[in-house]
Amino acid sequence: MIGKALGRWALIAIAVPLVAAGARQIGHAVEQRRGSSRATRMLHRGADTLQRLGGRKRRRRFGFR
């Protein structure tokens, strides 16, 4: 029982922010090469959603939308 709770905590506290950061970096790299597209916007939106799931505020991006 404690092991499951610890596993969930580790997933939310460690893995989710890492996945969000990775998705954001991939989206940014693809945007630099090919410009903005539906896929890169979805990567950024997914990263924002994951960050909110982990308890962080939405990251503001100026000039994009």
N, C-alpha and C. Protein backbone atom coordinates (compact mmCIF):
# COMPACT_ATOMS: atom_id res chain seq x y z
N MET A 1 0.81 -1.19 0.00
CA MET A 1 0.00 0.00 0.00
C MET A 1 0.86 1.26 0.00
N ILE A 2 1.85 1.30 0.84
CA ILE A 2 2.75 2.45 0.87
C ILE A 2 3.58 2.50 -0.41
N GLY A 3 3.92 1.34 -0.94
CA GLY A 3 4.69 1.30 -2.19
C GLY A 3 3.93 1.89 -3.36
N LYS A 4 2.63 1.62 -3.44
CA LYS A 4 1.81 2.21 -4.51
C LYS A 4 1.73 3.72 -4.37
N ALA A 5 1.55 4.19 -3.15
CA ALA A 5 1.46 5.63 -2.92
C ALA A 5 2.79 6.31 -3.28
N LEU A 6 3.89 5.68 -2.92
CA LEU A 6 5.20 6.22 -3.24
C LEU A 6 5.43 6.22 -4.75
N GLY A 7 4.98 5.18 -5.42
CA GLY A 7 5.10 5.11 -6.88
C GLY A 7 4.30 6.20 -7.57
N ARG A 8 3.08 6.45 -7.10
CA ARG A 8 2.27 7.52 -7.67
C ARG A 8 2.91 8.89 -7.45
N TRP A 9 3.43 9.09 -6.25
CA TRP A 9 4.09 10.35 -5.96
C TRP A 9 5.29 10.55 -6.89
N ALA A 10 6.08 9.50 -7.06
CA ALA A 10 7.25 9.60 -7.94
C ALA A 10 6.83 9.90 -9.37
N LEU A 11 5.75 9.29 -9.82
CA LEU A 11 5.27 9.53 -11.17
C LEU A 11 4.86 10.99 -11.35
N ILE A 12 4.11 11.53 -10.42
CA ILE A 12 3.63 12.90 -10.54
C ILE A 12 4.74 13.91 -10.27
N ALA A 13 5.61 13.63 -9.32
CA ALA A 13 6.62 14.61 -8.94
C ALA A 13 7.84 14.61 -9.85
N ILE A 14 8.15 13.48 -10.47
CA ILE A 14 9.39 13.39 -11.25
C ILE A 14 9.13 13.16 -12.73
N ALA A 15 8.36 12.15 -13.06
CA ALA A 15 8.21 11.76 -14.46
C ALA A 15 7.38 12.75 -15.27
N VAL A 16 6.29 13.24 -14.72
CA VAL A 16 5.41 14.14 -15.48
C VAL A 16 6.12 15.44 -15.86
N PRO A 17 6.82 16.12 -14.94
CA PRO A 17 7.54 17.33 -15.36
C PRO A 17 8.64 17.05 -16.40
N LEU A 18 9.30 15.90 -16.29
CA LEU A 18 10.32 15.57 -17.28
C LEU A 18 9.72 15.35 -18.66
N VAL A 19 8.58 14.67 -18.71
CA VAL A 19 7.90 14.45 -19.99
C VAL A 19 7.43 15.79 -20.57
N ALA A 20 6.91 16.66 -19.72
CA ALA A 20 6.45 17.97 -20.19
C ALA A 20 7.61 18.79 -20.76
N ALA A 21 8.73 18.77 -20.07
CA ALA A 21 9.90 19.51 -20.54
C ALA A 21 10.42 18.93 -21.86
N GLY A 22 10.41 17.61 -21.97
CA GLY A 22 10.85 16.97 -23.21
C GLY A 22 9.95 17.31 -24.37
N ALA A 23 8.64 17.29 -24.15
CA ALA A 23 7.69 17.63 -25.22
C ALA A 23 7.87 19.08 -25.64
N ARG A 24 8.11 19.96 -24.68
CA ARG A 24 8.30 21.38 -24.99
C ARG A 24 9.58 21.58 -25.81
N GLN A 25 10.65 20.88 -25.47
CA GLN A 25 11.90 21.01 -26.21
C GLN A 25 11.79 20.45 -27.62
N ILE A 26 11.10 19.33 -27.77
CA ILE A 26 10.90 18.76 -29.10
C ILE A 26 10.09 19.72 -29.96
N GLY A 27 9.02 20.27 -29.40
CA GLY A 27 8.20 21.22 -30.13
C GLY A 27 8.98 22.45 -30.55
N HIS A 28 9.82 22.94 -29.65
CA HIS A 28 10.62 24.12 -29.95
C HIS A 28 11.64 23.82 -31.05
N ALA A 29 12.27 22.65 -30.99
CA ALA A 29 13.27 22.29 -32.00
C ALA A 29 12.63 22.14 -33.38
N VAL A 30 11.46 21.52 -33.43
CA VAL A 30 10.77 21.35 -34.71
C VAL A 30 10.32 22.70 -35.25
N GLU A 31 9.86 23.59 -34.37
CA GLU A 31 9.46 24.93 -34.81
C GLU A 31 10.62 25.71 -35.38
N GLN A 32 11.80 25.55 -34.82
CA GLN A 32 12.97 26.26 -35.34
C GLN A 32 13.30 25.80 -36.76
N ARG A 33 13.13 24.53 -37.03
CA ARG A 33 13.47 24.01 -38.35
C ARG A 33 12.38 24.23 -39.38
N ARG A 34 11.13 23.99 -39.01
CA ARG A 34 10.05 23.98 -39.98
C ARG A 34 8.98 25.03 -39.76
N GLY A 35 9.05 25.75 -38.68
CA GLY A 35 8.02 26.75 -38.38
C GLY A 35 6.87 26.14 -37.60
N SER A 36 5.94 26.99 -37.22
CA SER A 36 4.82 26.54 -36.42
C SER A 36 3.88 25.67 -37.23
N SER A 37 3.38 24.63 -36.60
CA SER A 37 2.44 23.72 -37.26
C SER A 37 1.46 23.21 -36.20
N ARG A 38 0.49 22.46 -36.65
CA ARG A 38 -0.49 21.90 -35.72
C ARG A 38 0.20 20.97 -34.72
N ALA A 39 1.16 20.19 -35.19
CA ALA A 39 1.86 19.25 -34.30
C ALA A 39 2.64 19.97 -33.21
N THR A 40 3.35 21.04 -33.57
CA THR A 40 4.13 21.75 -32.56
C THR A 40 3.22 22.47 -31.57
N ARG A 41 2.10 23.01 -32.05
CA ARG A 41 1.15 23.64 -31.12
C ARG A 41 0.57 22.61 -30.16
N MET A 42 0.30 21.41 -30.66
CA MET A 42 -0.23 20.36 -29.78
C MET A 42 0.82 19.91 -28.77
N LEU A 43 2.09 19.86 -29.17
CA LEU A 43 3.15 19.52 -28.21
C LEU A 43 3.23 20.56 -27.10
N HIS A 44 3.16 21.84 -27.45
CA HIS A 44 3.19 22.89 -26.44
C HIS A 44 1.96 22.82 -25.55
N ARG A 45 0.80 22.62 -26.14
CA ARG A 45 -0.43 22.53 -25.35
C ARG A 45 -0.40 21.33 -24.41
N GLY A 46 0.11 20.21 -24.90
CA GLY A 46 0.22 19.02 -24.05
C GLY A 46 1.19 19.23 -22.90
N ALA A 47 2.29 19.93 -23.17
CA ALA A 47 3.26 20.23 -22.11
C ALA A 47 2.63 21.15 -21.06
N ASP A 48 1.84 22.13 -21.51
CA ASP A 48 1.14 23.01 -20.56
C ASP A 48 0.17 22.22 -19.69
N THR A 49 -0.55 21.29 -20.31
CA THR A 49 -1.51 20.47 -19.56
C THR A 49 -0.80 19.61 -18.53
N LEU A 50 0.32 19.00 -18.93
CA LEU A 50 1.07 18.16 -18.00
C LEU A 50 1.64 18.98 -16.85
N GLN A 51 2.07 20.20 -17.13
CA GLN A 51 2.59 21.04 -16.06
C GLN A 51 1.50 21.39 -15.06
N ARG A 52 0.29 21.67 -15.56
CA ARG A 52 -0.81 21.95 -14.63
C ARG A 52 -1.17 20.72 -13.82
N LEU A 53 -1.05 19.54 -14.43
CA LEU A 53 -1.32 18.29 -13.71
C LEU A 53 -0.33 18.13 -12.56
N GLY A 54 0.90 18.55 -12.77
CA GLY A 54 1.93 18.48 -11.74
C GLY A 54 1.86 19.60 -10.73
N GLY A 55 0.91 20.52 -10.87
CA GLY A 55 0.73 21.57 -9.89
C GLY A 55 1.41 22.87 -10.23
N ARG A 56 1.88 23.05 -11.45
CA ARG A 56 2.53 24.30 -11.84
C ARG A 56 1.60 25.13 -12.70
N LYS A 57 1.81 26.43 -12.69
CA LYS A 57 1.00 27.32 -13.50
C LYS A 57 1.39 27.18 -14.98
N ARG A 58 0.47 27.60 -15.83
CA ARG A 58 0.71 27.55 -17.27
C ARG A 58 1.85 28.47 -17.65
N ARG A 59 2.73 28.00 -18.49
CA ARG A 59 3.86 28.80 -18.94
C ARG A 59 3.40 29.76 -20.03
N ARG A 60 3.69 31.03 -19.87
CA ARG A 60 3.25 32.04 -20.83
C ARG A 60 4.24 32.14 -21.96
N ARG A 61 3.72 32.17 -23.17
CA ARG A 61 4.56 32.35 -24.35
C ARG A 61 4.10 33.63 -25.03
N PHE A 62 5.00 34.55 -25.21
CA PHE A 62 4.65 35.82 -25.82
C PHE A 62 4.87 35.74 -27.32
N GLY A 63 3.94 36.26 -28.07
CA GLY A 63 4.07 36.32 -29.51
C GLY A 63 3.50 35.12 -30.24
N PHE A 64 3.10 34.08 -29.54
CA PHE A 64 2.53 32.90 -30.17
C PHE A 64 1.11 32.74 -29.70
N ARG A 65 0.29 32.15 -30.52
CA ARG A 65 -1.06 31.76 -30.10
C ARG A 65 -1.85 31.26 -31.22
